[in-house]
Every structure is written in C-alpha cells, then in structure tokens.
C-alpha atoms as a PDB file:
ATOM      1  CA  MET A   1      17.278 -70.655-108.692  1.00  0.00           C
ATOM      2  CA  ILE A   2      16.097 -69.017-105.632  1.00  0.00           C
ATOM      3  CA  ILE A   3      12.401 -67.860-105.173  1.00  0.00           C
ATOM      4  CA  CYS A   4      11.468 -66.003-101.996  1.00  0.00           C
ATOM      5  CA  GLY A   5      14.797 -66.854-100.455  1.00  0.00           C
ATOM      6  CA  TYR A   6      14.425 -70.676-101.265  1.00  0.00           C
ATOM      7  CA  ASP A   7      16.448 -72.673-103.597  1.00  0.00           C
ATOM      8  CA  ILE A   8      14.536 -74.439-105.963  1.00  0.00           C
ATOM      9  CA  LYS A   9      15.046 -76.765-109.208  1.00  0.00           C
ATOM     10  CA  HIS A  10      13.623 -76.246-112.613  1.00  0.00           C
ATOM     11  CA  GLY A  11      10.474 -78.383-112.687  1.00  0.00           C
ATOM     12  CA  GLU A  12       9.919 -78.369-108.917  1.00  0.00           C
ATOM     13  CA  LYS A  13       7.335 -77.390-106.555  1.00  0.00           C
ATOM     14  CA  LYS A  14       7.893 -76.445-103.056  1.00  0.00           C
ATOM     15  CA  GLU A  15       5.800 -75.527-100.100  1.00  0.00           C
ATOM     16  CA  VAL A  16       7.566 -72.841 -98.013  1.00  0.00           C
ATOM     17  CA  ASP A  17       7.017 -70.508 -95.042  1.00  0.00           C
ATOM     18  CA  ILE A  18       7.218 -66.826 -95.562  1.00  0.00           C
ATOM     19  CA  CYS A  19       8.618 -65.479 -92.381  1.00  0.00           C
ATOM     20  CA  VAL A  20       6.586 -62.782 -90.615  1.00  0.00           C
ATOM     21  CA  PRO A  21       8.816 -61.244 -87.774  1.00  0.00           C
ATOM     22  CA  ASN A  22       7.513 -62.142 -84.402  1.00  0.00           C
ATOM     23  CA  GLY A  23       4.502 -63.752 -86.066  1.00  0.00           C
ATOM     24  CA  VAL A  24       3.052 -66.798 -87.474  1.00  0.00           C
ATOM     25  CA  PRO A  25       4.566 -67.443 -90.951  1.00  0.00           C
ATOM     26  CA  ILE A  26       2.575 -67.284 -94.200  1.00  0.00           C
ATOM     27  CA  LYS A  27       2.192 -70.340 -96.002  1.00  0.00           C
ATOM     28  CA  ALA A  28       3.391 -70.193-100.015  1.00  0.00           C
ATOM     29  CA  VAL A  29       3.644 -72.594-102.707  1.00  0.00           C
ATOM     30  CA  LEU A  30       6.364 -72.145-105.355  1.00  0.00           C
ATOM     31  CA  PHE A  31       6.645 -73.442-108.772  1.00  0.00           C
ATOM     32  CA  CYS A  32       9.683 -73.438-110.917  1.00  0.00           C
ATOM     33  CA  GLY A  33       9.026 -73.905-114.536  1.00  0.00           C
ATOM     34  CA  GLU A  34      10.891 -76.314-116.578  1.00  0.00           C
ATOM     35  CA  LYS A  35      11.820 -73.367-118.947  1.00  0.00           C
ATOM     36  CA  GLU A  36      12.737 -69.679-118.170  1.00  0.00           C
ATOM     37  CA  GLY A  37      10.181 -67.032-118.128  1.00  0.00           C
ATOM     38  CA  LYS A  38       8.350 -64.469-115.991  1.00  0.00           C
ATOM     39  CA  THR A  39       7.116 -64.823-112.357  1.00  0.00           C
ATOM     40  CA  LEU A  40       3.806 -64.271-111.636  1.00  0.00           C
ATOM     41  CA  ILE A  41       2.756 -63.726-107.849  1.00  0.00           C
ATOM     42  CA  VAL A  42      -0.646 -64.723-106.961  1.00  0.00           C
ATOM     43  CA  THR A  43      -2.210 -63.513-103.457  1.00  0.00           C
ATOM     44  CA  ALA A  44      -5.580 -64.314-101.899  1.00  0.00           C
ATOM     45  CA  GLY A  45      -7.015 -63.956 -98.147  1.00  0.00           C
ATOM     46  CA  VAL A  46      -5.774 -60.374 -97.568  1.00  0.00           C
ATOM     47  CA  HIS A  47      -9.233 -60.215 -95.984  1.00  0.00           C
ATOM     48  CA  GLY A  48     -10.328 -63.141 -94.092  1.00  0.00           C
ATOM     49  CA  CYS A  49     -13.761 -63.434 -95.200  1.00  0.00           C
ATOM     50  CA  GLU A  50     -13.363 -63.246 -98.902  1.00  0.00           C
ATOM     51  CA  TYR A  51     -13.180 -66.910 -99.896  1.00  0.00           C
ATOM     52  CA  VAL A  52     -13.461 -66.859-103.590  1.00  0.00           C
ATOM     53  CA  GLY A  53      -9.621 -66.007-104.107  1.00  0.00           C
ATOM     54  CA  VAL A  54      -8.661 -68.423-101.234  1.00  0.00           C
ATOM     55  CA  GLU A  55     -10.397 -71.540-102.711  1.00  0.00           C
ATOM     56  CA  ALA A  56      -9.116 -70.606-106.378  1.00  0.00           C
ATOM     57  CA  VAL A  57      -5.332 -70.086-105.265  1.00  0.00           C
ATOM     58  CA  SER A  58      -5.715 -73.211-102.923  1.00  0.00           C
ATOM     59  CA  TRP A  59      -7.020 -75.199-106.217  1.00  0.00           C
ATOM     60  CA  LEU A  60      -4.224 -73.912-108.179  1.00  0.00           C
ATOM     61  CA  CYS A  61      -1.508 -75.063-105.605  1.00  0.00           C
ATOM     62  CA  GLN A  62      -2.838 -78.544-105.883  1.00  0.00           C
ATOM     63  CA  ASN A  63      -3.356 -78.704-109.799  1.00  0.00           C
ATOM     64  CA  ILE A  64      -0.702 -76.914-111.441  1.00  0.00           C
ATOM     65  CA  ASP A  65       2.375 -78.924-112.967  1.00  0.00           C
ATOM     66  CA  PRO A  66       5.569 -76.759-112.882  1.00  0.00           C
ATOM     67  CA  LYS A  67       6.891 -78.950-115.732  1.00  0.00           C
ATOM     68  CA  ASN A  68       4.331 -77.093-117.867  1.00  0.00           C
ATOM     69  CA  LEU A  69       5.597 -73.622-117.051  1.00  0.00           C
ATOM     70  CA  CYS A  70       7.869 -71.439-119.008  1.00  0.00           C
ATOM     71  CA  GLY A  71       8.282 -69.325-115.942  1.00  0.00           C
ATOM     72  CA  ASN A  72       7.483 -69.424-112.240  1.00  0.00           C
ATOM     73  CA  LEU A  73       4.606 -68.950-109.761  1.00  0.00           C
ATOM     74  CA  ILE A  74       4.572 -67.724-106.224  1.00  0.00           C
ATOM     75  CA  LEU A  75       0.816 -68.611-104.647  1.00  0.00           C
ATOM     76  CA  VAL A  76      -0.283 -67.547-101.407  1.00  0.00           C
ATOM     77  CA  PRO A  77      -3.696 -68.742-100.615  1.00  0.00           C
ATOM     78  CA  ILE A  78      -4.336 -66.943 -97.290  1.00  0.00           C
ATOM     79  CA  VAL A  79      -2.076 -63.809 -96.619  1.00  0.00           C
ATOM     80  CA  ASN A  80      -4.329 -62.897 -93.323  1.00  0.00           C
ATOM     81  CA  THR A  81      -4.190 -66.258 -91.599  1.00  0.00           C
ATOM     82  CA  SER A  82      -5.524 -65.391 -88.338  1.00  0.00           C
ATOM     83  CA  GLY A  83      -8.371 -63.160 -89.992  1.00  0.00           C
ATOM     84  CA  PHE A  84      -9.231 -66.404 -92.079  1.00  0.00           C
ATOM     85  CA  PHE A  85      -9.673 -68.780 -89.220  1.00  0.00           C
ATOM     86  CA  ALA A  86     -11.480 -66.297 -87.070  1.00  0.00           C
ATOM     87  CA  GLY A  87     -13.934 -65.091 -89.705  1.00  0.00           C
ATOM     88  CA  ALA A  88     -12.858 -61.646 -88.969  1.00  0.00           C
ATOM     89  CA  LYS A  89     -14.485 -58.959 -91.367  1.00  0.00           C
ATOM     90  CA  GLN A  90     -11.784 -57.084 -93.324  1.00  0.00           C
ATOM     91  CA  ILE A  91      -9.207 -56.862 -90.316  1.00  0.00           C
ATOM     92  CA  VAL A  92      -6.217 -58.628 -88.861  1.00  0.00           C
ATOM     93  CA  PRO A  93      -7.806 -59.406 -85.652  1.00  0.00           C
ATOM     94  CA  GLU A  94      -4.864 -58.985 -83.455  1.00  0.00           C
ATOM     95  CA  ASP A  95      -4.563 -55.222 -84.244  1.00  0.00           C
ATOM     96  CA  ASN A  96      -7.991 -54.498 -85.537  1.00  0.00           C
ATOM     97  CA  ILE A  97      -6.160 -52.915 -88.802  1.00  0.00           C
ATOM     98  CA  ASN A  98      -7.244 -53.648 -92.404  1.00  0.00           C
ATOM     99  CA  LEU A  99      -4.294 -55.357 -93.987  1.00  0.00           C
ATOM    100  CA  ASN A 100      -4.983 -53.788 -97.159  1.00  0.00           C
ATOM    101  CA  ARG A 101      -4.464 -50.258 -95.694  1.00  0.00           C
ATOM    102  CA  ALA A 102      -1.035 -51.323 -93.991  1.00  0.00           C
ATOM    103  CA  PHE A 103       1.447 -51.013 -96.787  1.00  0.00           C
ATOM    104  CA  PRO A 104       4.408 -49.939 -96.768  1.00  0.00           C
ATOM    105  CA  GLY A 105       5.212 -52.508 -93.944  1.00  0.00           C
ATOM    106  CA  ASP A 106       7.378 -52.015 -91.010  1.00  0.00           C
ATOM    107  CA  GLU A 107       9.667 -54.882 -89.254  1.00  0.00           C
ATOM    108  CA  LYS A 108       8.727 -53.286 -86.119  1.00  0.00           C
ATOM    109  CA  GLY A 109       5.046 -52.537 -86.339  1.00  0.00           C
ATOM    110  CA  SER A 110       1.961 -54.119 -85.429  1.00  0.00           C
ATOM    111  CA  ILE A 111       1.139 -57.531 -86.793  1.00  0.00           C
ATOM    112  CA  SER A 112      -0.631 -55.855 -89.991  1.00  0.00           C
ATOM    113  CA  LYS A 113       2.708 -53.754 -90.683  1.00  0.00           C
ATOM    114  CA  ARG A 114       4.936 -57.054 -89.864  1.00  0.00           C
ATOM    115  CA  ILE A 115       2.761 -59.147 -92.445  1.00  0.00           C
ATOM    116  CA  ALA A 116       3.104 -56.258 -95.177  1.00  0.00           C
ATOM    117  CA  TYR A 117       6.602 -55.937 -94.445  1.00  0.00           C
ATOM    118  CA  ALA A 118       7.236 -59.598 -94.888  1.00  0.00           C
ATOM    119  CA  ILE A 119       5.654 -59.480 -98.321  1.00  0.00           C
ATOM    120  CA  GLU A 120       7.318 -56.799 -99.280  1.00  0.00           C
ATOM    121  CA  LYS A 121      10.688 -58.137 -98.301  1.00  0.00           C
ATOM    122  CA  ASN A 122      10.132 -61.873 -99.212  1.00  0.00           C
ATOM    123  CA  ILE A 123       7.948 -61.854-102.072  1.00  0.00           C
ATOM    124  CA  TYR A 124       7.870 -58.626-104.310  1.00  0.00           C
ATOM    125  CA  PRO A 125      11.622 -58.801-105.363  1.00  0.00           C
ATOM    126  CA  TYR A 126      11.065 -62.023-107.011  1.00  0.00           C
ATOM    127  CA  GLY A 127       7.753 -60.875-109.201  1.00  0.00           C
ATOM    128  CA  ASP A 128       7.600 -59.708-112.496  1.00  0.00           C
ATOM    129  CA  PHE A 129       3.757 -59.540-112.150  1.00  0.00           C
ATOM    130  CA  LEU A 130       1.431 -59.533-109.324  1.00  0.00           C
ATOM    131  CA  ILE A 131      -2.479 -60.205-109.103  1.00  0.00           C
ATOM    132  CA  ASP A 132      -4.274 -60.165-105.479  1.00  0.00           C
ATOM    133  CA  LEU A 133      -7.583 -61.814-105.534  1.00  0.00           C
ATOM    134  CA  HIS A 134     -10.421 -60.565-103.392  1.00  0.00           C
ATOM    135  CA  SER A 135     -14.213 -60.629-103.091  1.00  0.00           C
ATOM    136  CA  GLY A 136     -17.100 -58.616-101.345  1.00  0.00           C
ATOM    137  CA  ASP A 137     -16.851 -59.351 -97.705  1.00  0.00           C
ATOM    138  CA  ILE A 138     -19.509 -60.576 -95.495  1.00  0.00           C
ATOM    139  CA  ASN A 139     -21.192 -57.037 -95.450  1.00  0.00           C
ATOM    140  CA  GLU A 140     -20.820 -56.330 -99.084  1.00  0.00           C
ATOM    141  CA  SER A 141     -22.345 -56.672-102.290  1.00  0.00           C
ATOM    142  CA  LEU A 142     -20.103 -56.514-105.463  1.00  0.00           C
ATOM    143  CA  PHE A 143     -20.399 -56.763-109.372  1.00  0.00           C
ATOM    144  CA  PRO A 144     -16.970 -58.448-110.824  1.00  0.00           C
ATOM    145  CA  LEU A 145     -14.260 -56.227-111.689  1.00  0.00           C
ATOM    146  CA  VAL A 146     -10.643 -55.484-111.800  1.00  0.00           C
ATOM    147  CA  PHE A 147      -8.844 -52.635-110.472  1.00  0.00           C
ATOM    148  CA  PHE A 148      -5.773 -51.302-112.299  1.00  0.00           C
ATOM    149  CA  PRO A 149      -3.251 -48.449-111.072  1.00  0.00           C
ATOM    150  CA  ALA A 150      -2.727 -44.755-111.778  1.00  0.00           C
ATOM    151  CA  ILE A 151      -0.543 -44.066-109.531  1.00  0.00           C
ATOM    152  CA  GLY A 152       2.763 -45.917-110.607  1.00  0.00           C
ATOM    153  CA  GLU A 153       5.330 -45.118-113.085  1.00  0.00           C
ATOM    154  CA  GLU A 154       4.079 -44.598-116.636  1.00  0.00           C
ATOM    155  CA  ASN A 155       5.141 -47.866-117.896  1.00  0.00           C
ATOM    156  CA  ILE A 156       3.874 -49.932-114.818  1.00  0.00           C
ATOM    157  CA  ASN A 157       0.557 -48.478-115.111  1.00  0.00           C
ATOM    158  CA  ARG A 158       0.458 -49.203-118.859  1.00  0.00           C
ATOM    159  CA  LYS A 159       1.569 -53.054-118.448  1.00  0.00           C
ATOM    160  CA  SER A 160      -0.852 -53.318-115.634  1.00  0.00           C
ATOM    161  CA  LEU A 161      -3.678 -51.960-117.885  1.00  0.00           C
ATOM    162  CA  GLU A 162      -3.002 -54.314-120.707  1.00  0.00           C
ATOM    163  CA  ALA A 163      -3.128 -57.278-118.643  1.00  0.00           C
ATOM    164  CA  ALA A 164      -6.351 -56.196-117.145  1.00  0.00           C
ATOM    165  CA  LYS A 165      -7.778 -56.313-120.465  1.00  0.00           C
ATOM    166  CA  ALA A 166      -6.935 -59.939-120.589  1.00  0.00           C
ATOM    167  CA  LEU A 167      -9.242 -60.783-117.778  1.00  0.00           C
ATOM    168  CA  SER A 168     -13.011 -62.063-117.926  1.00  0.00           C
ATOM    169  CA  VAL A 169     -14.692 -59.515-115.780  1.00  0.00           C
ATOM    170  CA  PRO A 170     -16.752 -56.819-117.308  1.00  0.00           C
ATOM    171  CA  TYR A 171     -15.393 -53.728-115.605  1.00  0.00           C
ATOM    172  CA  ARG A 172     -11.989 -52.460-115.181  1.00  0.00           C
ATOM    173  CA  VAL A 173     -11.720 -49.615-112.786  1.00  0.00           C
ATOM    174  CA  LYS A 174      -8.950 -46.970-112.816  1.00  0.00           C
ATOM    175  CA  SER A 175      -7.377 -46.817-109.089  1.00  0.00           C
ATOM    176  CA  THR A 176      -5.295 -44.212-107.257  1.00  0.00           C
ATOM    177  CA  ALA A 177      -4.971 -46.354-104.049  1.00  0.00           C
ATOM    178  CA  LYS A 178      -1.275 -46.690-102.908  1.00  0.00           C
ATOM    179  CA  ASN A 179      -1.213 -48.475 -99.426  1.00  0.00           C
ATOM    180  CA  GLY A 180      -2.801 -52.017-100.555  1.00  0.00           C
ATOM    181  CA  LEU A 181      -0.863 -55.001-101.222  1.00  0.00           C
ATOM    182  CA  TYR A 182      -1.279 -54.710-105.002  1.00  0.00           C
ATOM    183  CA  SER A 183      -0.991 -51.033-105.106  1.00  0.00           C
ATOM    184  CA  TRP A 184       2.135 -50.689-102.989  1.00  0.00           C
ATOM    185  CA  ALA A 185       3.605 -53.528-105.228  1.00  0.00           C
ATOM    186  CA  VAL A 186       3.186 -51.022-108.167  1.00  0.00           C
ATOM    187  CA  GLN A 187       4.967 -48.350-106.256  1.00  0.00           C
ATOM    188  CA  LYS A 188       7.918 -50.952-106.111  1.00  0.00           C
ATOM    189  CA  GLY A 189       7.747 -51.343-109.823  1.00  0.00           C
ATOM    190  CA  ILE A 190       5.738 -54.465-110.316  1.00  0.00           C
ATOM    191  CA  PRO A 191       2.728 -54.236-112.717  1.00  0.00           C
ATOM    192  CA  SER A 192      -0.221 -55.508-110.613  1.00  0.00           C
ATOM    193  CA  LEU A 193      -4.035 -55.875-110.678  1.00  0.00           C
ATOM    194  CA  LEU A 194      -6.581 -56.444-107.908  1.00  0.00           C
ATOM    195  CA  LEU A 195      -9.437 -58.825-109.061  1.00  0.00           C
ATOM    196  CA  GLU A 196     -12.945 -58.681-107.123  1.00  0.00           C
ATOM    197  CA  ARG A 197     -15.362 -61.535-107.714  1.00  0.00           C
ATOM    198  CA  GLY A 198     -18.037 -62.843-105.309  1.00  0.00           C
ATOM    199  CA  CYS A 199     -19.572 -61.413-102.238  1.00  0.00           C
ATOM    200  CA  GLY A 200     -21.411 -61.434 -98.985  1.00  0.00           C
ATOM    201  CA  GLY A 201     -18.764 -63.579 -97.341  1.00  0.00           C
ATOM    202  CA  LEU A 202     -19.598 -66.605 -99.654  1.00  0.00           C
ATOM    203  CA  TRP A 203     -18.180 -68.700-102.621  1.00  0.00           C
ATOM    204  CA  THR A 204     -19.444 -70.637-105.398  1.00  0.00           C
ATOM    205  CA  GLU A 205     -17.924 -73.462-107.443  1.00  0.00           C
ATOM    206  CA  ASP A 206     -18.700 -71.216-110.621  1.00  0.00           C
ATOM    207  CA  GLU A 207     -17.080 -68.234-109.288  1.00  0.00           C
ATOM    208  CA  VAL A 208     -14.059 -70.064-108.088  1.00  0.00           C
ATOM    209  CA  SER A 209     -13.725 -71.597-111.493  1.00  0.00           C
ATOM    210  CA  LYS A 210     -14.136 -68.104-113.401  1.00  0.00           C
ATOM    211  CA  SER A 211     -11.160 -66.668-110.851  1.00  0.00           C
ATOM    212  CA  ILE A 212      -8.819 -69.720-111.824  1.00  0.00           C
ATOM    213  CA  ASN A 213      -9.667 -69.115-115.359  1.00  0.00           C
ATOM    214  CA  ASP A 214      -8.716 -65.516-114.943  1.00  0.00           C
ATOM    215  CA  VAL A 215      -5.345 -66.565-113.394  1.00  0.00           C
ATOM    216  CA  TYR A 216      -4.693 -68.813-116.379  1.00  0.00           C
ATOM    217  CA  ARG A 217      -5.447 -66.000-118.873  1.00  0.00           C
ATOM    218  CA  ILE A 218      -2.922 -63.946-116.847  1.00  0.00           C
ATOM    219  CA  MET A 219      -0.367 -66.924-117.041  1.00  0.00           C
ATOM    220  CA  GLN A 220      -1.124 -67.064-120.807  1.00  0.00           C
ATOM    221  CA  TYR A 221      -0.753 -63.294-121.394  1.00  0.00           C
ATOM    222  CA  LEU A 222       2.803 -63.521-119.561  1.00  0.00           C
ATOM    223  CA  LYS A 223       3.692 -66.507-121.785  1.00  0.00           C
ATOM    224  CA  ILE A 224       3.934 -68.689-118.730  1.00  0.00           C
ATOM    225  CA  ILE A 225       1.683 -71.301-120.332  1.00  0.00           C
ATOM    226  CA  ASP A 226       0.753 -71.993-123.730  1.00  0.00           C
ATOM    227  CA  GLY A 227      -2.895 -71.330-124.928  1.00  0.00           C
ATOM    228  CA  GLU A 228      -5.035 -68.444-126.026  1.00  0.00           C
ATOM    229  CA  TYR A 229      -7.881 -66.696-124.495  1.00  0.00           C
ATOM    230  CA  LYS A 230     -10.735 -64.976-125.981  1.00  0.00           C
ATOM    231  CA  SER A 231     -11.142 -61.271-125.077  1.00  0.00           C
ATOM    232  CA  ILE A 232     -14.479 -59.815-123.692  1.00  0.00           C
ATOM    233  CA  ASN A 233     -15.957 -56.630-123.976  1.00  0.00           C
ATOM    234  CA  GLN A 234     -14.838 -54.676-121.077  1.00  0.00           C
ATOM    235  CA  THR A 235     -15.894 -51.327-119.959  1.00  0.00           C
ATOM    236  CA  GLU A 236     -13.300 -48.821-118.195  1.00  0.00           C
ATOM    237  CA  ILE A 237     -14.396 -46.987-115.164  1.00  0.00           C
ATOM    238  CA  THR A 238     -12.067 -43.726-115.324  1.00  0.00           C
ATOM    239  CA  GLU A 239     -13.974 -41.922-112.594  1.00  0.00           C
ATOM    240  CA  ALA A 240     -15.255 -43.393-109.459  1.00  0.00           C
ATOM    241  CA  VAL A 241     -16.922 -42.242-105.849  1.00  0.00           C
ATOM    242  CA  TYR A 242     -16.486 -44.024-102.676  1.00  0.00           C
ATOM    243  CA  GLU A 243     -19.207 -42.984-100.264  1.00  0.00           C
ATOM    244  CA  GLU A 244     -18.346 -43.339 -96.631  1.00  0.00           C
ATOM    245  CA  ALA A 245     -20.523 -42.863 -93.494  1.00  0.00           C
ATOM    246  CA  LYS A 246     -19.692 -39.582 -91.727  1.00  0.00           C
ATOM    247  CA  GLU A 247     -20.866 -41.176 -88.335  1.00  0.00           C
ATOM    248  CA  ASN A 248     -22.134 -44.214 -86.788  1.00  0.00           C
ATOM    249  CA  GLY A 249     -25.557 -44.914 -87.856  1.00  0.00           C
ATOM    250  CA  PHE A 250     -28.129 -47.272 -89.726  1.00  0.00           C
ATOM    251  CA  TRP A 251     -27.614 -47.601 -93.459  1.00  0.00           C
ATOM    252  CA  TYR A 252     -30.375 -48.427 -96.102  1.00  0.00           C
ATOM    253  CA  PRO A 253     -29.060 -48.971 -99.599  1.00  0.00           C
ATOM    254  CA  ASP A 254     -31.495 -48.538-102.373  1.00  0.00           C
ATOM    255  CA  VAL A 255     -29.447 -49.762-105.053  1.00  0.00           C
ATOM    256  CA  LYS A 256     -28.057 -53.185-106.518  1.00  0.00           C
ATOM    257  CA  ALA A 257     -24.299 -54.179-107.476  1.00  0.00           C
ATOM    258  CA  GLY A 258     -24.150 -53.332-111.260  1.00  0.00           C
ATOM    259  CA  GLN A 259     -27.350 -51.108-111.450  1.00  0.00           C
ATOM    260  CA  VAL A 260     -27.156 -48.403-113.981  1.00  0.00           C
ATOM    261  CA  ILE A 261     -27.925 -45.057-112.036  1.00  0.00           C
ATOM    262  CA  LYS A 262     -28.348 -41.619-113.053  1.00  0.00           C
ATOM    263  CA  LYS A 263     -27.104 -38.161-111.598  1.00  0.00           C
ATOM    264  CA  GLY A 264     -29.086 -37.344-108.600  1.00  0.00           C
ATOM    265  CA  SER A 265     -30.736 -40.558-107.895  1.00  0.00           C
ATOM    266  CA  VAL A 266     -30.815 -41.736-104.232  1.00  0.00           C
ATOM    267  CA  LEU A 267     -28.233 -44.602-103.453  1.00  0.00           C
ATOM    268  CA  GLY A 268     -29.521 -45.131-100.081  1.00  0.00           C
ATOM    269  CA  VAL A 269     -30.203 -43.303 -96.727  1.00  0.00           C
ATOM    270  CA  LEU A 270     -27.973 -43.134 -93.583  1.00  0.00           C
ATOM    271  CA  ARG A 271     -29.766 -42.505 -90.337  1.00  0.00           C
ATOM    272  CA  SER A 272     -27.616 -41.246 -87.400  1.00  0.00           C
ATOM    273  CA  TYR A 273     -27.261 -43.185 -84.368  1.00  0.00           C
ATOM    274  CA  SER A 274     -26.893 -40.160 -82.079  1.00  0.00           C
ATOM    275  CA  ASP A 275     -29.797 -37.735 -83.242  1.00  0.00           C
ATOM    276  CA  GLY A 276     -31.794 -39.811 -85.847  1.00  0.00           C
ATOM    277  CA  LYS A 277     -31.214 -37.221 -88.388  1.00  0.00           C
ATOM    278  CA  GLU A 278     -31.477 -38.975 -91.975  1.00  0.00           C
ATOM    279  CA  THR A 279     -29.088 -38.141 -94.694  1.00  0.00           C
ATOM    280  CA  GLU A 280     -29.607 -39.028 -98.523  1.00  0.00           C
ATOM    281  CA  ILE A 281     -26.576 -40.292-100.382  1.00  0.00           C
ATOM    282  CA  THR A 282     -27.212 -39.322-104.056  1.00  0.00           C
ATOM    283  CA  ALA A 283     -25.236 -40.000-107.433  1.00  0.00           C
ATOM    284  CA  GLN A 284     -22.936 -37.058-108.510  1.00  0.00           C
ATOM    285  CA  PHE A 285     -23.065 -38.393-112.224  1.00  0.00           C
ATOM    286  CA  ASP A 286     -24.449 -41.153-114.234  1.00  0.00           C
ATOM    287  CA  GLY A 287     -22.884 -44.295-113.648  1.00  0.00           C
ATOM    288  CA  ILE A 288     -22.773 -48.044-112.368  1.00  0.00           C
ATOM    289  CA  VAL A 289     -22.916 -49.409-109.004  1.00  0.00           C
ATOM    290  CA  LEU A 290     -19.719 -51.203-108.253  1.00  0.00           C
ATOM    291  CA  TYR A 291     -20.382 -52.319-104.632  1.00  0.00           C
ATOM    292  CA  PHE A 292     -22.300 -51.467-101.769  1.00  0.00           C
ATOM    293  CA  THR A 293     -22.372 -52.267 -97.803  1.00  0.00           C
ATOM    294  CA  THR A 294     -25.406 -54.606 -96.976  1.00  0.00           C
ATOM    295  CA  SER A 295     -24.920 -54.073 -93.049  1.00  0.00           C
ATOM    296  CA  LEU A 296     -27.434 -52.271 -91.459  1.00  0.00           C
ATOM    297  CA  GLY A 297     -25.248 -50.706 -88.660  1.00  0.00           C
ATOM    298  CA  VAL A 298     -22.241 -48.972 -90.086  1.00  0.00           C
ATOM    299  CA  ARG A 299     -19.480 -46.996 -88.238  1.00  0.00           C
ATOM    300  CA  ASP A 300     -18.132 -43.718 -88.842  1.00  0.00           C
ATOM    301  CA  GLY A 301     -15.448 -43.908 -91.880  1.00  0.00           C
ATOM    302  CA  GLU A 302     -16.991 -47.332 -93.366  1.00  0.00           C
ATOM    303  CA  ALA A 303     -17.672 -47.599 -97.062  1.00  0.00           C
ATOM    304  CA  LEU A 304     -21.346 -47.187 -97.814  1.00  0.00           C
ATOM    305  CA  VAL A 305     -21.472 -47.378-101.779  1.00  0.00           C
ATOM    306  CA  ALA A 306     -19.029 -47.110-104.639  1.00  0.00           C
ATOM    307  CA  TYR A 307     -20.013 -46.081-108.251  1.00  0.00           C
ATOM    308  CA  GLY A 308     -18.207 -45.149-111.518  1.00  0.00           C
ATOM    309  CA  LYS A 309     -18.269 -43.421-114.636  1.00  0.00           C
ATOM    310  CA  PRO A 310     -17.724 -45.415-118.005  1.00  0.00           C
END
C-alpha cells in the first residue's frame, strides 16, 4: 500500500523523508500493520523546546512492531527540526514564525509555511486520526490537558471529543483555533487532538511514559492494537480566556498551573517597559489556571496566562 507517497508492505516499518519545498526534509517513520485498519498520525516537535512529545514519539519509533498492528502509524518525532536543534522558543528560527500559526501552508511561502504545506500535502491525506504532542515551552508552566476542536464539521468535532475522553489527562479544553497543525487537520476532515504534558523546556521519564501511554490509549480506541484502557475522571473546559500582553513589559504572575481561581482574583501584574505603569490581570470568572508564562520579560502580543471554566 501507499503511505505518505511511499510503497510499504503489510508488517513493514520504513524510515522516510517528507519533502519540504526548498527545505530540509522532515524525518518520519511509517508502520504498515499486518492487518487492515485505521491510520493514526502522531506528531511532535512543532515547537523546538517542547521535549516530552519528542522523546515519546522517538521511543515509539524504536519500539513498535508493525506485525502487532491492525492498521497503520505515521510517526513524526520532530516537525520543526531547526527549532529543535537551535533550542528556539516556539518559532522556526529561519523566519521567526510560530509553526503552529502557519497553517494552511504555502509551497512558495517562508520556511514555516513550506513545512506546513509539506505536512498538509504529504501526511494529512493518509490519516484517519491525528494527535499532536506538545508541552509547556521554556517560558511556560502548564497543567496536563488535551485540546479538542469546536471549529470543524460536527461529526469531526464529535469524533475528536470522544477520543479525547480516552486520554489520561485531567482536563479537556474546547478550542476554536484554526491555524495549527492539529486544528487545520480538523478543517481538512481529520479528527484531531492536541495533547499538552510537561513544561519549562524540561522532560522527565514519567511524563514521557504517560505520553506514550496516551498514544497507546488512542491506538486502542481506534482498534489499531488490542487492549483496554481505564477511563479517568476528566473535566471539560467549555470556556477559556487567553490573556496576552498589550505592550512590552515585565510580567509578575501570581498563580500556579492547575490552581483554582475566583472571579476578580489577581492572576498577575504587567509593568510597562515604556512608562512603568502597572496593570493587574484579573479573572473574569471562577475557573482553573491552565498555563501561564514564567518569563520576566514579555513582548506585545505574547501569552501571559490562560484559564478556563469547567
């Protein structure tokens, strides 16, 4: 059969290059199961310093046996290769663009747009489901969660939501994003999720193990592998606020990831770099802190804190 443009036989594993127009190819590993079934795409390393997913997918590349699969896997450990090796926070260093804001892609655009184009052209068409693994970057503290879409066709959103319930994270968050790797896949008719685990540009064996387990849970949910998973008590966040800096300044957060907050409580203070004026960021409703920026210095438009309402 053909996967990502490559001929592959049942029971075979194949390491391949995904062509990026006028760019360095993206490394991927294809697994063609011994039996027919669905195809799962697993990506990581969209942001170069989010290491938990990179290590989890790298482990899966080495340890999965295609002969045990009823279906296929497309594993991409590092989408943003240059960002990973440069230790670049959230961007593709060649064009300073956040790759998770670069979809849909453009064959003739800057490198981020061309990477997005390569994913959309060469990987999306072969997937029945996609999960994109992320973490808190080097300047973020984050509580484990999964984003599921609210911007695709109703049946695609529903399939994504039901799969999100199979994961082992405590929160699932409804998202209206459209221009990321997973969210654009939804626009192209592929049920998709974005999993967040780990933070601070760090990784632990425990976090990697839990992310591997979540990929296995999705594989079990899709019947790609045998086995059953035990559902956990998961809270759905139906409304979220994403506070951003209105100017360059100094950021003083006053919360922790996962903290329960009350309406009106101070989440942090932004002090203007230009005139020293301080602005309190307060909660609009009772909720849970999903993640926040730990950097002292923040630029205009950068994330400060995100919180949601169960």
